[in-house]
């Protein structure tokens, strides 16, 4: 599993775009918990780098669809799910399991 970033590169409530195995993955730091989600909104493909981080979700910058960070679910539009990947932090290094 690749090391994709270091904790100091991702401040609290911050986002960082990384490329892993040819996929754009957005890392999000929510109060010390790191999440990894796809960088493309499943609704119409807007880049999630511009998404608003609020409470436990990301709101798409284009239409405001709200995706839960923990599982990518969207309560208002359950037919759309943002892809997520397992993350772990070891020795300040962020590791994403893309397998």
N, C-alpha and C. Protein backbone atom coordinates (compact mmCIF):
# COMPACT_ATOMS: atom_id res chain seq x y z
N UNK A 1 0.85 -1.18 0.00
CA UNK A 1 0.00 0.00 0.00
C UNK A 1 0.89 1.24 0.00
N UNK A 2 0.61 2.16 -0.91
CA UNK A 2 1.51 3.30 -1.05
C UNK A 2 1.33 4.38 0.02
N UNK A 3 2.46 4.96 0.39
CA UNK A 3 2.45 6.16 1.22
C UNK A 3 2.15 7.31 0.27
N UNK A 4 1.08 8.08 0.54
CA UNK A 4 0.66 9.10 -0.41
C UNK A 4 0.96 10.52 0.06
N UNK A 5 1.16 10.69 1.38
CA UNK A 5 1.45 12.02 1.92
C UNK A 5 1.90 11.87 3.36
N UNK A 6 2.32 13.00 3.94
CA UNK A 6 2.68 13.03 5.36
C UNK A 6 1.66 13.91 6.07
N UNK A 7 1.42 13.63 7.34
CA UNK A 7 0.42 14.36 8.11
C UNK A 7 0.64 15.87 8.07
N UNK A 8 1.90 16.32 8.09
CA UNK A 8 2.15 17.77 8.11
C UNK A 8 1.75 18.45 6.79
N UNK A 9 1.52 17.67 5.73
CA UNK A 9 1.07 18.23 4.45
C UNK A 9 -0.44 18.46 4.43
N UNK A 10 -1.12 17.98 5.46
CA UNK A 10 -2.58 18.01 5.46
C UNK A 10 -3.09 18.60 6.78
N UNK A 11 -3.21 19.93 6.85
CA UNK A 11 -3.64 20.56 8.10
C UNK A 11 -5.08 20.19 8.46
N UNK A 12 -5.45 20.39 9.71
CA UNK A 12 -6.81 20.13 10.15
C UNK A 12 -7.80 20.86 9.25
N UNK A 13 -8.84 20.15 8.83
CA UNK A 13 -9.87 20.64 7.91
C UNK A 13 -9.32 20.94 6.52
N UNK A 14 -8.14 20.42 6.22
CA UNK A 14 -7.52 20.63 4.92
C UNK A 14 -7.79 19.49 3.96
N UNK A 15 -7.49 19.76 2.67
CA UNK A 15 -7.64 18.76 1.61
C UNK A 15 -6.34 18.73 0.81
N UNK A 16 -6.04 17.58 0.25
CA UNK A 16 -4.85 17.45 -0.61
C UNK A 16 -5.17 16.43 -1.69
N UNK A 17 -4.91 16.80 -2.94
CA UNK A 17 -5.12 15.90 -4.07
C UNK A 17 -3.85 15.10 -4.32
N UNK A 18 -3.99 13.77 -4.41
CA UNK A 18 -2.86 12.90 -4.71
C UNK A 18 -3.26 11.97 -5.84
N UNK A 19 -2.27 11.40 -6.49
CA UNK A 19 -2.52 10.42 -7.55
C UNK A 19 -1.98 9.08 -7.08
N UNK A 20 -2.84 8.07 -7.08
CA UNK A 20 -2.45 6.73 -6.63
C UNK A 20 -2.89 5.74 -7.70
N UNK A 21 -1.95 5.00 -8.23
CA UNK A 21 -2.24 3.98 -9.26
C UNK A 21 -3.10 4.57 -10.39
N UNK A 22 -2.78 5.80 -10.80
CA UNK A 22 -3.49 6.43 -11.90
C UNK A 22 -4.84 7.03 -11.54
N UNK A 23 -5.19 7.00 -10.25
CA UNK A 23 -6.47 7.56 -9.81
C UNK A 23 -6.24 8.83 -9.00
N UNK A 24 -7.07 9.85 -9.25
CA UNK A 24 -7.00 11.06 -8.43
C UNK A 24 -7.80 10.81 -7.14
N UNK A 25 -7.11 10.95 -6.01
CA UNK A 25 -7.73 10.72 -4.71
C UNK A 25 -7.58 11.98 -3.89
N UNK A 26 -8.67 12.39 -3.27
CA UNK A 26 -8.66 13.56 -2.41
C UNK A 26 -8.56 13.12 -0.96
N UNK A 27 -7.50 13.58 -0.29
CA UNK A 27 -7.34 13.31 1.14
C UNK A 27 -7.98 14.46 1.90
N UNK A 28 -8.67 14.13 2.98
CA UNK A 28 -9.33 15.13 3.81
C UNK A 28 -8.98 14.87 5.26
N UNK A 29 -8.55 15.92 5.97
CA UNK A 29 -8.22 15.80 7.39
C UNK A 29 -9.37 16.43 8.18
N UNK A 30 -10.14 15.59 8.84
CA UNK A 30 -11.23 16.06 9.68
C UNK A 30 -10.86 15.82 11.14
N UNK A 31 -10.30 16.85 11.76
CA UNK A 31 -9.92 16.81 13.17
C UNK A 31 -9.01 15.62 13.50
N UNK A 32 -8.03 15.38 12.62
CA UNK A 32 -7.04 14.33 12.87
C UNK A 32 -7.38 12.98 12.27
N UNK A 33 -8.60 12.81 11.76
CA UNK A 33 -8.96 11.58 11.05
C UNK A 33 -8.83 11.86 9.56
N UNK A 34 -8.09 10.98 8.87
CA UNK A 34 -7.85 11.18 7.45
C UNK A 34 -8.80 10.30 6.65
N UNK A 35 -9.42 10.90 5.64
CA UNK A 35 -10.31 10.18 4.74
C UNK A 35 -9.75 10.28 3.33
N UNK A 36 -10.02 9.27 2.51
CA UNK A 36 -9.61 9.26 1.10
C UNK A 36 -10.85 9.02 0.25
N UNK A 37 -11.15 9.98 -0.65
CA UNK A 37 -12.33 9.88 -1.50
C UNK A 37 -11.95 10.20 -2.95
N UNK A 38 -12.80 9.76 -3.87
CA UNK A 38 -12.52 10.09 -5.27
C UNK A 38 -12.67 11.59 -5.46
N UNK A 39 -11.93 12.12 -6.44
CA UNK A 39 -11.95 13.56 -6.67
C UNK A 39 -13.02 13.98 -7.67
N UNK A 40 -13.90 13.07 -8.05
CA UNK A 40 -14.91 13.41 -9.04
C UNK A 40 -16.29 13.11 -8.46
N UNK A 41 -17.15 14.12 -8.42
CA UNK A 41 -18.51 13.93 -7.92
C UNK A 41 -19.22 12.90 -8.80
N UNK A 42 -19.85 11.88 -8.20
CA UNK A 42 -20.53 10.86 -9.01
C UNK A 42 -21.79 11.39 -9.71
N UNK A 43 -22.23 12.58 -9.37
CA UNK A 43 -23.42 13.15 -10.01
C UNK A 43 -23.09 13.68 -11.40
N UNK A 44 -22.20 14.68 -11.49
CA UNK A 44 -21.86 15.22 -12.81
C UNK A 44 -20.37 15.47 -12.99
N UNK A 45 -19.54 14.85 -12.16
CA UNK A 45 -18.11 14.89 -12.37
C UNK A 45 -17.37 16.13 -11.91
N UNK A 46 -18.00 16.98 -11.12
CA UNK A 46 -17.30 18.18 -10.63
C UNK A 46 -16.12 17.76 -9.75
N UNK A 47 -14.99 18.48 -9.83
CA UNK A 47 -13.84 18.16 -8.98
C UNK A 47 -14.16 18.45 -7.51
N UNK A 48 -13.93 17.46 -6.67
CA UNK A 48 -14.23 17.59 -5.25
C UNK A 48 -13.17 18.40 -4.50
N UNK A 49 -12.09 18.79 -5.19
CA UNK A 49 -11.10 19.66 -4.55
C UNK A 49 -11.75 20.97 -4.12
N UNK A 50 -12.80 21.40 -4.84
CA UNK A 50 -13.51 22.63 -4.51
C UNK A 50 -14.66 22.43 -3.54
N UNK A 51 -14.83 21.20 -3.04
CA UNK A 51 -15.95 20.90 -2.15
C UNK A 51 -15.80 21.60 -0.80
N UNK A 52 -16.93 21.91 -0.20
CA UNK A 52 -16.96 22.52 1.13
C UNK A 52 -16.98 21.42 2.17
N UNK A 53 -16.07 21.48 3.14
CA UNK A 53 -16.02 20.51 4.23
C UNK A 53 -16.85 21.05 5.38
N UNK A 54 -17.87 20.30 5.77
CA UNK A 54 -18.74 20.74 6.85
C UNK A 54 -19.13 19.53 7.69
N UNK A 55 -19.07 19.66 9.00
CA UNK A 55 -19.40 18.56 9.90
C UNK A 55 -18.67 17.29 9.48
N UNK A 56 -19.40 16.28 9.00
CA UNK A 56 -18.77 15.01 8.61
C UNK A 56 -18.90 14.73 7.12
N UNK A 57 -19.17 15.78 6.33
CA UNK A 57 -19.37 15.54 4.90
C UNK A 57 -18.67 16.59 4.04
N UNK A 58 -18.56 16.24 2.75
CA UNK A 58 -18.09 17.16 1.71
C UNK A 58 -19.30 17.53 0.87
N UNK A 59 -19.48 18.83 0.60
CA UNK A 59 -20.57 19.29 -0.26
C UNK A 59 -19.99 19.64 -1.63
N UNK A 60 -20.49 18.99 -2.66
CA UNK A 60 -20.01 19.21 -4.02
C UNK A 60 -20.13 20.69 -4.39
N UNK A 61 -19.09 21.26 -5.02
CA UNK A 61 -19.12 22.68 -5.35
C UNK A 61 -20.14 23.03 -6.44
N UNK A 62 -20.57 22.05 -7.23
CA UNK A 62 -21.46 22.36 -8.35
C UNK A 62 -22.93 22.39 -7.94
N UNK A 63 -23.42 21.34 -7.29
CA UNK A 63 -24.84 21.27 -6.94
C UNK A 63 -25.09 21.06 -5.45
N UNK A 64 -24.04 21.01 -4.65
CA UNK A 64 -24.21 20.92 -3.21
C UNK A 64 -24.56 19.54 -2.67
N UNK A 65 -24.46 18.49 -3.48
CA UNK A 65 -24.71 17.14 -2.97
C UNK A 65 -23.75 16.89 -1.82
N UNK A 66 -24.26 16.37 -0.70
CA UNK A 66 -23.44 16.17 0.50
C UNK A 66 -23.09 14.70 0.68
N UNK A 67 -21.79 14.42 0.63
CA UNK A 67 -21.29 13.05 0.73
C UNK A 67 -20.59 12.85 2.08
N UNK A 68 -21.03 11.82 2.82
CA UNK A 68 -20.40 11.49 4.10
C UNK A 68 -18.97 11.01 3.85
N UNK A 69 -18.04 11.53 4.64
CA UNK A 69 -16.64 11.16 4.47
C UNK A 69 -16.40 9.68 4.79
N UNK A 70 -17.10 9.16 5.80
CA UNK A 70 -16.79 7.80 6.25
C UNK A 70 -17.14 6.72 5.23
N UNK A 71 -18.21 6.94 4.43
CA UNK A 71 -18.61 5.88 3.49
C UNK A 71 -19.04 6.40 2.11
N UNK A 72 -19.00 7.70 1.90
CA UNK A 72 -19.33 8.27 0.60
C UNK A 72 -20.82 8.37 0.31
N UNK A 73 -21.66 8.02 1.28
CA UNK A 73 -23.10 8.03 1.05
C UNK A 73 -23.64 9.46 0.95
N UNK A 74 -24.77 9.58 0.24
CA UNK A 74 -25.44 10.87 0.06
C UNK A 74 -26.90 10.66 0.46
N UNK A 75 -27.28 11.19 1.64
CA UNK A 75 -28.64 10.97 2.16
C UNK A 75 -29.72 11.50 1.22
N UNK A 76 -29.53 12.70 0.68
CA UNK A 76 -30.54 13.33 -0.17
C UNK A 76 -30.68 12.64 -1.53
N UNK A 77 -29.60 12.04 -2.01
CA UNK A 77 -29.58 11.38 -3.32
C UNK A 77 -28.86 10.04 -3.17
N UNK A 78 -29.53 9.03 -2.58
CA UNK A 78 -28.86 7.74 -2.29
C UNK A 78 -28.37 7.00 -3.52
N UNK A 79 -28.83 7.41 -4.71
CA UNK A 79 -28.36 6.74 -5.93
C UNK A 79 -26.92 7.12 -6.27
N UNK A 80 -26.39 8.15 -5.60
CA UNK A 80 -25.01 8.58 -5.84
C UNK A 80 -24.16 8.31 -4.60
N UNK A 81 -23.02 7.66 -4.81
CA UNK A 81 -22.09 7.38 -3.72
C UNK A 81 -20.69 7.78 -4.16
N UNK A 82 -20.03 8.54 -3.32
CA UNK A 82 -18.65 8.94 -3.58
C UNK A 82 -17.75 7.78 -3.16
N UNK A 83 -16.87 7.34 -4.05
CA UNK A 83 -15.99 6.22 -3.74
C UNK A 83 -15.01 6.63 -2.64
N UNK A 84 -14.79 5.71 -1.69
CA UNK A 84 -13.86 5.95 -0.59
C UNK A 84 -12.86 4.80 -0.51
N UNK A 85 -11.72 5.05 0.12
CA UNK A 85 -10.70 4.03 0.32
C UNK A 85 -10.27 4.01 1.78
N UNK A 86 -9.89 2.84 2.28
CA UNK A 86 -9.36 2.76 3.65
C UNK A 86 -8.03 3.51 3.76
N UNK A 87 -7.85 4.17 4.89
CA UNK A 87 -6.64 4.96 5.15
C UNK A 87 -6.09 4.55 6.51
N UNK A 88 -4.78 4.53 6.61
CA UNK A 88 -4.17 4.40 7.93
C UNK A 88 -2.96 5.32 7.99
N UNK A 89 -2.61 5.72 9.20
CA UNK A 89 -1.48 6.60 9.41
C UNK A 89 -0.46 5.85 10.27
N UNK A 90 0.77 5.77 9.77
CA UNK A 90 1.86 5.13 10.48
C UNK A 90 3.06 6.05 10.45
N UNK A 91 3.62 6.36 11.61
CA UNK A 91 4.79 7.23 11.69
C UNK A 91 4.59 8.53 10.92
N UNK A 92 3.40 9.12 11.05
CA UNK A 92 3.06 10.39 10.38
C UNK A 92 2.91 10.25 8.87
N UNK A 93 2.92 9.04 8.34
CA UNK A 93 2.76 8.84 6.90
C UNK A 93 1.33 8.33 6.61
N UNK A 94 0.70 8.93 5.62
CA UNK A 94 -0.66 8.57 5.24
C UNK A 94 -0.60 7.50 4.17
N UNK A 95 -1.24 6.37 4.43
CA UNK A 95 -1.23 5.21 3.53
C UNK A 95 -2.67 4.93 3.10
N UNK A 96 -2.89 4.84 1.78
CA UNK A 96 -4.22 4.57 1.24
C UNK A 96 -4.21 3.18 0.59
N UNK A 97 -5.20 2.37 0.96
CA UNK A 97 -5.34 1.02 0.40
C UNK A 97 -6.23 1.08 -0.82
N UNK A 98 -5.61 1.14 -2.01
CA UNK A 98 -6.39 1.25 -3.25
C UNK A 98 -6.72 -0.11 -3.83
N UNK A 99 -6.28 -1.18 -3.20
CA UNK A 99 -6.52 -2.55 -3.73
C UNK A 99 -7.99 -2.91 -3.64
